[in-house]
Amino acid sequence: MSISDLTPHDLLAEAGIEDTPLRHQVVRLLSEADRPLAAPDILELVRREQSINKVSLYRILDLLVEHGLVRRLSSPAPPDRAFRYCLPGGGKPHHCHFYCTRCRKMECLDCTEAPAVLERLASGRGLVVMSSDIRLDGLCAECASKAGLEP
């Protein structure tokens, strides 16, 4: 069963986290998102349905990250140092992302080949890969087109 098959209640229970209305909503919003979201974006979305302050949101996000339910992703150096948050795709430990250095959007990538590549890299050194954090930086298709570049 993949993450997409589970409800926010199921995900919270599986992670050993009490299902409160705000936690439930944050997990639901992340599960519905088509890309990793920055905390200000999550805050705005939550506030459309119920009241929450920044401190409460960051505590919820920290709790979800601590329990391994949500991944916290960094973006490159200035001007955008905002963390983004997402649910690991389909429950797979190898989940990749692309960050556009121009428009600052981050998106999820299908990394079905990553485990085999990482295994080859690690096996020769006696390493066992439990998870990975792969982020590619560059220009998204829209920004590359505006810059007159081809992929």
C-alpha atoms as a PDB file:
ATOM      1  CA  MET A   1       0.000   0.000   0.000  1.00  0.00           C
ATOM      2  CA  SER A   2       1.402   3.417  -0.925  1.00  0.00           C
ATOM      3  CA  ILE A   3       1.086   6.735   0.885  1.00  0.00           C
ATOM      4  CA  SER A   4      -1.438   7.914  -1.691  1.00  0.00           C
ATOM      5  CA  ASP A   5      -3.775   5.092  -0.576  1.00  0.00           C
ATOM      6  CA  LEU A   6      -3.750   6.196   3.068  1.00  0.00           C
ATOM      7  CA  THR A   7      -5.876   8.881   4.705  1.00  0.00           C
ATOM      8  CA  PRO A   8      -4.274  11.612   6.847  1.00  0.00           C
ATOM      9  CA  HIS A   9      -5.692   9.779   9.893  1.00  0.00           C
ATOM     10  CA  ASP A  10      -3.985   6.540   8.787  1.00  0.00           C
ATOM     11  CA  LEU A  11      -0.690   8.322   8.092  1.00  0.00           C
ATOM     12  CA  LEU A  12      -0.671  10.027  11.488  1.00  0.00           C
ATOM     13  CA  ALA A  13      -1.579   6.780  13.275  1.00  0.00           C
ATOM     14  CA  GLU A  14       1.112   4.845  11.407  1.00  0.00           C
ATOM     15  CA  ALA A  15       3.676   7.469  12.477  1.00  0.00           C
ATOM     16  CA  GLY A  16       2.492   7.287  16.108  1.00  0.00           C
ATOM     17  CA  ILE A  17       1.185  10.852  16.132  1.00  0.00           C
ATOM     18  CA  GLU A  18      -2.120  11.903  17.686  1.00  0.00           C
ATOM     19  CA  ASP A  19      -4.617  13.014  15.032  1.00  0.00           C
ATOM     20  CA  THR A  20      -5.618  16.582  15.911  1.00  0.00           C
ATOM     21  CA  PRO A  21      -7.593  18.801  13.510  1.00  0.00           C
ATOM     22  CA  LEU A  22      -4.575  20.975  12.617  1.00  0.00           C
ATOM     23  CA  ARG A  23      -2.167  18.038  12.164  1.00  0.00           C
ATOM     24  CA  HIS A  24      -4.788  16.279  10.080  1.00  0.00           C
ATOM     25  CA  GLN A  25      -5.212  19.326   7.857  1.00  0.00           C
ATOM     26  CA  VAL A  26      -1.458  19.837   7.375  1.00  0.00           C
ATOM     27  CA  VAL A  27      -0.994  16.181   6.379  1.00  0.00           C
ATOM     28  CA  ARG A  28      -4.016  16.360   4.068  1.00  0.00           C
ATOM     29  CA  LEU A  29      -2.701  19.505   2.357  1.00  0.00           C
ATOM     30  CA  LEU A  30       0.735  17.941   1.859  1.00  0.00           C
ATOM     31  CA  SER A  31      -0.804  14.740   0.505  1.00  0.00           C
ATOM     32  CA  GLU A  32      -2.872  16.752  -1.997  1.00  0.00           C
ATOM     33  CA  ALA A  33       0.009  18.985  -3.104  1.00  0.00           C
ATOM     34  CA  ASP A  34       1.632  18.297  -6.453  1.00  0.00           C
ATOM     35  CA  ARG A  35       4.966  19.656  -5.216  1.00  0.00           C
ATOM     36  CA  PRO A  36       6.805  20.337  -1.941  1.00  0.00           C
ATOM     37  CA  LEU A  37       5.370  23.381  -0.133  1.00  0.00           C
ATOM     38  CA  ALA A  38       7.120  26.125   1.837  1.00  0.00           C
ATOM     39  CA  ALA A  39       5.810  26.820   5.345  1.00  0.00           C
ATOM     40  CA  PRO A  40       4.284  30.205   4.356  1.00  0.00           C
ATOM     41  CA  ASP A  41       2.323  28.432   1.608  1.00  0.00           C
ATOM     42  CA  ILE A  42       1.112  25.783   4.051  1.00  0.00           C
ATOM     43  CA  LEU A  43       0.173  28.501   6.556  1.00  0.00           C
ATOM     44  CA  GLU A  44      -1.903  30.311   3.936  1.00  0.00           C
ATOM     45  CA  LEU A  45      -3.696  27.106   2.913  1.00  0.00           C
ATOM     46  CA  VAL A  46      -4.460  26.081   6.506  1.00  0.00           C
ATOM     47  CA  ARG A  47      -5.781  29.553   7.330  1.00  0.00           C
ATOM     48  CA  ARG A  48      -8.366  29.207   4.561  1.00  0.00           C
ATOM     49  CA  GLU A  49     -10.069  26.558   6.698  1.00  0.00           C
ATOM     50  CA  GLN A  50      -9.103  27.252  10.316  1.00  0.00           C
ATOM     51  CA  SER A  51      -7.105  29.518  12.564  1.00  0.00           C
ATOM     52  CA  ILE A  52      -3.412  28.800  13.134  1.00  0.00           C
ATOM     53  CA  ASN A  53      -0.345  30.851  14.017  1.00  0.00           C
ATOM     54  CA  LYS A  54       3.180  30.435  12.658  1.00  0.00           C
ATOM     55  CA  VAL A  55       4.556  28.896  15.848  1.00  0.00           C
ATOM     56  CA  SER A  56       1.888  26.188  15.876  1.00  0.00           C
ATOM     57  CA  LEU A  57       2.494  25.384  12.229  1.00  0.00           C
ATOM     58  CA  TYR A  58       6.259  25.077  12.701  1.00  0.00           C
ATOM     59  CA  ARG A  59       5.739  22.849  15.754  1.00  0.00           C
ATOM     60  CA  ILE A  60       3.428  20.601  13.735  1.00  0.00           C
ATOM     61  CA  LEU A  61       5.917  20.454  10.846  1.00  0.00           C
ATOM     62  CA  ASP A  62       8.791  19.672  13.240  1.00  0.00           C
ATOM     63  CA  LEU A  63       6.739  16.881  14.837  1.00  0.00           C
ATOM     64  CA  LEU A  64       5.845  15.382  11.443  1.00  0.00           C
ATOM     65  CA  VAL A  65       9.506  15.509  10.365  1.00  0.00           C
ATOM     66  CA  GLU A  66      10.717  14.003  13.685  1.00  0.00           C
ATOM     67  CA  HIS A  67       8.396  11.034  13.224  1.00  0.00           C
ATOM     68  CA  GLY A  68       9.467  10.529   9.612  1.00  0.00           C
ATOM     69  CA  LEU A  69       6.052  11.271   8.144  1.00  0.00           C
ATOM     70  CA  VAL A  70       7.136  14.424   6.298  1.00  0.00           C
ATOM     71  CA  ARG A  71      10.429  15.326   4.630  1.00  0.00           C
ATOM     72  CA  ARG A  72      12.026  18.737   5.125  1.00  0.00           C
ATOM     73  CA  LEU A  73      13.868  19.835   2.014  1.00  0.00           C
ATOM     74  CA  SER A  74      16.379  22.628   1.801  1.00  0.00           C
ATOM     75  CA  SER A  75      16.755  24.977  -1.110  1.00  0.00           C
ATOM     76  CA  PRO A  76      20.054  26.455  -2.263  1.00  0.00           C
ATOM     77  CA  ALA A  77      21.673  29.528  -0.794  1.00  0.00           C
ATOM     78  CA  PRO A  78      20.224  33.052  -1.051  1.00  0.00           C
ATOM     79  CA  PRO A  79      17.919  34.514  -1.984  1.00  0.00           C
ATOM     80  CA  ASP A  80      15.665  31.561  -1.126  1.00  0.00           C
ATOM     81  CA  ARG A  81      16.572  29.646   2.013  1.00  0.00           C
ATOM     82  CA  ALA A  82      13.050  28.445   2.753  1.00  0.00           C
ATOM     83  CA  PHE A  83      12.540  24.811   3.679  1.00  0.00           C
ATOM     84  CA  ARG A  84       9.898  22.938   1.767  1.00  0.00           C
ATOM     85  CA  TYR A  85       7.882  20.013   3.040  1.00  0.00           C
ATOM     86  CA  CYS A  86       6.436  16.943   1.343  1.00  0.00           C
ATOM     87  CA  LEU A  87       5.302  13.419   1.987  1.00  0.00           C
ATOM     88  CA  PRO A  88       7.746  10.842   0.651  1.00  0.00           C
ATOM     89  CA  GLY A  89       6.372   9.745  -2.719  1.00  0.00           C
ATOM     90  CA  GLY A  90       4.540   6.452  -2.595  1.00  0.00           C
ATOM     91  CA  GLY A  91       6.325   5.442   0.593  1.00  0.00           C
ATOM     92  CA  LYS A  92       9.601   5.001  -1.299  1.00  0.00           C
ATOM     93  CA  PRO A  93      12.798   5.974   0.520  1.00  0.00           C
ATOM     94  CA  HIS A  94      14.363   7.360  -2.670  1.00  0.00           C
ATOM     95  CA  HIS A  95      12.461  10.525  -3.476  1.00  0.00           C
ATOM     96  CA  CYS A  96      14.027  13.149  -5.752  1.00  0.00           C
ATOM     97  CA  HIS A  97      13.339  16.829  -6.345  1.00  0.00           C
ATOM     98  CA  PHE A  98      14.104  19.569  -8.837  1.00  0.00           C
ATOM     99  CA  TYR A  99      14.564  23.192  -7.709  1.00  0.00           C
ATOM    100  CA  CYS A 100      14.308  26.013 -10.235  1.00  0.00           C
ATOM    101  CA  THR A 101      16.878  28.642  -9.311  1.00  0.00           C
ATOM    102  CA  ARG A 102      14.952  31.284 -11.242  1.00  0.00           C
ATOM    103  CA  CYS A 103      11.300  30.960 -10.168  1.00  0.00           C
ATOM    104  CA  ARG A 104      12.149  29.077  -6.933  1.00  0.00           C
ATOM    105  CA  LYS A 105       9.610  26.309  -7.471  1.00  0.00           C
ATOM    106  CA  MET A 106      10.445  22.839  -6.265  1.00  0.00           C
ATOM    107  CA  GLU A 107       8.861  19.752  -7.763  1.00  0.00           C
ATOM    108  CA  CYS A 108       8.949  16.021  -7.137  1.00  0.00           C
ATOM    109  CA  LEU A 109      10.695  13.746  -9.619  1.00  0.00           C
ATOM    110  CA  ASP A 110      10.254  10.059 -10.363  1.00  0.00           C
ATOM    111  CA  CYS A 111      13.498   8.473  -9.250  1.00  0.00           C
ATOM    112  CA  THR A 112      12.746   4.825  -9.851  1.00  0.00           C
ATOM    113  CA  GLU A 113      16.304   4.256 -11.080  1.00  0.00           C
ATOM    114  CA  ALA A 114      17.968   5.993  -8.109  1.00  0.00           C
ATOM    115  CA  PRO A 115      18.059   2.964  -5.763  1.00  0.00           C
ATOM    116  CA  ALA A 116      20.071   0.859  -8.246  1.00  0.00           C
ATOM    117  CA  VAL A 117      22.518   3.684  -8.950  1.00  0.00           C
ATOM    118  CA  LEU A 118      22.985   4.454  -5.248  1.00  0.00           C
ATOM    119  CA  GLU A 119      23.422   0.757  -4.450  1.00  0.00           C
ATOM    120  CA  ARG A 120      26.204   0.494  -7.044  1.00  0.00           C
ATOM    121  CA  LEU A 121      27.907   3.598  -5.649  1.00  0.00           C
ATOM    122  CA  ALA A 122      27.658   2.428  -2.058  1.00  0.00           C
ATOM    123  CA  SER A 123      28.208  -1.331  -2.345  1.00  0.00           C
ATOM    124  CA  GLY A 124      31.861  -1.046  -3.327  1.00  0.00           C
ATOM    125  CA  ARG A 125      32.517   0.826  -0.099  1.00  0.00           C
ATOM    126  CA  GLY A 126      30.488  -1.463   2.158  1.00  0.00           C
ATOM    127  CA  LEU A 127      27.787   1.164   2.694  1.00  0.00           C
ATOM    128  CA  VAL A 128      24.093   0.404   3.144  1.00  0.00           C
ATOM    129  CA  VAL A 129      21.811   3.168   1.820  1.00  0.00           C
ATOM    130  CA  MET A 130      18.682   3.571   3.953  1.00  0.00           C
ATOM    131  CA  SER A 131      17.398   6.730   2.288  1.00  0.00           C
ATOM    132  CA  SER A 132      18.616   9.515   0.071  1.00  0.00           C
ATOM    133  CA  ASP A 133      17.978  13.184  -0.515  1.00  0.00           C
ATOM    134  CA  ILE A 134      18.559  14.004  -4.149  1.00  0.00           C
ATOM    135  CA  ARG A 135      17.908  17.529  -5.414  1.00  0.00           C
ATOM    136  CA  LEU A 136      18.727  18.760  -8.870  1.00  0.00           C
ATOM    137  CA  ASP A 137      19.075  22.534  -9.299  1.00  0.00           C
ATOM    138  CA  GLY A 138      18.629  24.421 -12.542  1.00  0.00           C
ATOM    139  CA  LEU A 139      15.896  25.951 -14.679  1.00  0.00           C
ATOM    140  CA  CYS A 140      12.411  24.490 -15.035  1.00  0.00           C
ATOM    141  CA  ALA A 141      11.022  24.097 -18.572  1.00  0.00           C
ATOM    142  CA  GLU A 142       9.151  27.416 -18.396  1.00  0.00           C
ATOM    143  CA  CYS A 143      12.147  29.412 -17.138  1.00  0.00           C
ATOM    144  CA  ALA A 144      14.521  27.695 -19.587  1.00  0.00           C
ATOM    145  CA  SER A 145      12.165  28.594 -22.436  1.00  0.00           C
ATOM    146  CA  LYS A 146      12.007  32.233 -21.289  1.00  0.00           C
ATOM    147  CA  ALA A 147      15.830  32.280 -21.177  1.00  0.00           C
ATOM    148  CA  GLY A 148      16.023  30.838 -24.684  1.00  0.00           C
ATOM    149  CA  LEU A 149      17.622  27.593 -23.493  1.00  0.00           C
ATOM    150  CA  GLU A 150      16.737  24.062 -24.523  1.00  0.00           C
ATOM    151  CA  PRO A 151      16.945  21.045 -22.197  1.00  0.00           C
END
